[in-house]
Amino acid sequence: MELNQNVLDECTSYLKSKYKSKLQTLKLEHCTDVDGEYIYLVCIKIKKQYKERGYGSLIMSEVIQLADLYNVRIRLYATNIFGAELQRLYEFYQRQGFVLVGSEKIGEMLYHK
């Protein structure tokens, strides 16, 4: 089976159903660039009352498993647009296996095997 937007939409629906009371927003997009295809993590947001309880890590673990299954990268841009502290976001994503690409001002992070 090939990775495409339908696969990502199914994954998103599954995770929203599985973590329905905890997950506020999850958006994944299928993209390609000169290095091949990748999953773009547009947004992940845990409901306020469930933050700091490990749900973000559980959900990211499942997204990473999907990326590993299809042997693709995950790209995201850490931002404080939703009020999160950037340094905490960088630390969270680094614990998940992401690396910061470029400067902290840009906030681009990349996960790959």
Protein backbone atom coordinates (compact mmCIF):
# COMPACT_ATOMS: atom_id res chain seq x y z
CA MET A 1 0.00 0.00 0.00
CA GLU A 2 1.21 3.47 -0.85
CA LEU A 3 1.21 6.44 1.51
CA ASN A 4 -1.24 9.11 0.42
CA GLN A 5 -3.56 11.69 1.96
CA ASN A 6 -6.33 9.10 2.41
CA VAL A 7 -4.03 6.98 4.61
CA LEU A 8 -3.19 10.05 6.70
CA ASP A 9 -6.86 11.02 6.97
CA GLU A 10 -7.69 7.48 8.17
CA CYS A 11 -4.89 7.67 10.73
CA THR A 12 -6.12 11.07 11.91
CA SER A 13 -9.71 9.79 12.25
CA TYR A 14 -8.51 6.73 14.14
CA LEU A 15 -6.44 8.80 16.59
CA LYS A 16 -9.24 11.34 17.08
CA SER A 17 -11.59 8.48 17.89
CA LYS A 18 -9.12 6.69 20.16
CA TYR A 19 -8.22 9.87 22.09
CA LYS A 20 -11.53 11.71 21.55
CA SER A 21 -11.75 13.29 24.98
CA LYS A 22 -8.07 14.28 25.03
CA LEU A 23 -7.12 15.26 21.48
CA GLN A 24 -8.38 18.65 20.41
CA THR A 25 -6.74 18.94 16.98
CA LEU A 26 -4.62 16.76 14.72
CA LYS A 27 -3.85 17.55 11.10
CA LEU A 28 -1.45 15.58 8.89
CA GLU A 29 -0.66 16.27 5.24
CA HIS A 30 1.05 14.10 2.62
CA CYS A 31 3.80 16.11 0.89
CA THR A 32 6.78 15.61 -1.38
CA ASP A 33 9.99 17.52 -1.97
CA VAL A 34 13.30 16.88 -3.71
CA ASP A 35 14.20 14.32 -1.01
CA GLY A 36 10.97 12.33 -1.46
CA GLU A 37 7.67 12.13 0.32
CA TYR A 38 7.02 13.05 3.92
CA ILE A 39 4.27 13.60 6.46
CA TYR A 40 3.78 17.24 7.36
CA LEU A 41 2.46 17.56 10.91
CA VAL A 42 0.38 20.72 10.56
CA CYS A 43 -1.03 20.71 14.07
CA ILE A 44 -1.36 18.58 17.17
CA LYS A 45 -3.13 20.01 20.18
CA ILE A 46 -4.07 18.22 23.37
CA LYS A 47 -6.99 19.59 25.39
CA LYS A 48 -5.78 21.81 28.21
CA GLN A 49 -6.98 19.59 31.06
CA TYR A 50 -5.03 16.62 29.63
CA LYS A 51 -1.70 18.31 28.94
CA GLU A 52 1.39 17.00 30.73
CA ARG A 53 -0.14 13.53 31.08
CA GLY A 54 1.67 11.78 28.22
CA TYR A 55 -1.10 11.86 25.61
CA GLY A 56 0.97 13.96 23.20
CA SER A 57 3.73 11.35 23.39
CA LEU A 58 1.29 8.49 22.84
CA ILE A 59 -0.22 10.16 19.78
CA MET A 60 3.18 11.16 18.36
CA SER A 61 4.35 7.58 18.86
CA GLU A 62 1.54 6.35 16.62
CA VAL A 63 2.27 8.98 13.95
CA ILE A 64 5.95 8.01 14.06
CA GLN A 65 5.02 4.31 13.70
CA LEU A 66 3.06 5.22 10.57
CA ALA A 67 6.03 7.17 9.17
CA ASP A 68 8.35 4.25 9.95
CA LEU A 69 5.95 1.80 8.29
CA TYR A 70 6.06 3.82 5.07
CA ASN A 71 9.72 4.78 5.53
CA VAL A 72 9.03 8.51 5.26
CA ARG A 73 10.10 11.57 7.20
CA ILE A 74 7.90 13.78 9.36
CA ARG A 75 8.34 17.53 9.10
CA LEU A 76 6.84 20.16 11.38
CA TYR A 77 7.29 23.76 12.42
CA ALA A 78 7.23 24.29 16.17
CA THR A 79 5.38 27.50 16.92
CA ASN A 80 3.96 29.30 19.90
CA ILE A 81 0.85 30.41 17.99
CA PHE A 82 -1.35 28.37 20.36
CA GLY A 83 0.41 29.70 23.47
CA ALA A 84 2.91 26.89 24.01
CA GLU A 85 6.41 27.75 25.13
CA LEU A 86 8.80 27.16 22.21
CA GLN A 87 11.59 25.67 24.29
CA ARG A 88 9.16 23.12 25.75
CA LEU A 89 7.98 22.23 22.23
CA TYR A 90 11.56 21.77 21.03
CA GLU A 91 12.31 19.52 24.01
CA PHE A 92 9.09 17.51 23.49
CA TYR A 93 9.79 16.87 19.81
CA GLN A 94 13.46 16.10 20.45
CA ARG A 95 12.39 13.41 22.95
CA GLN A 96 10.28 11.95 20.12
CA GLY A 97 13.34 11.73 17.85
CA PHE A 98 13.04 15.00 15.92
CA VAL A 99 15.99 17.27 15.21
CA LEU A 100 15.94 21.02 14.79
CA VAL A 101 16.78 22.03 11.23
CA GLY A 102 18.15 25.54 10.81
CA SER A 103 17.59 28.19 13.45
CA GLU A 104 15.25 28.16 16.43
CA LYS A 105 13.57 31.26 14.99
CA ILE A 106 12.31 29.20 12.06
CA GLY A 107 11.32 26.26 14.26
CA GLU A 108 11.58 23.61 11.54
CA MET A 109 11.97 20.12 12.95
CA LEU A 110 12.45 16.85 11.13
CA TYR A 111 12.01 13.20 12.06
CA HIS A 112 13.55 10.48 9.97
CA LYS A 113 14.87 6.96 10.49
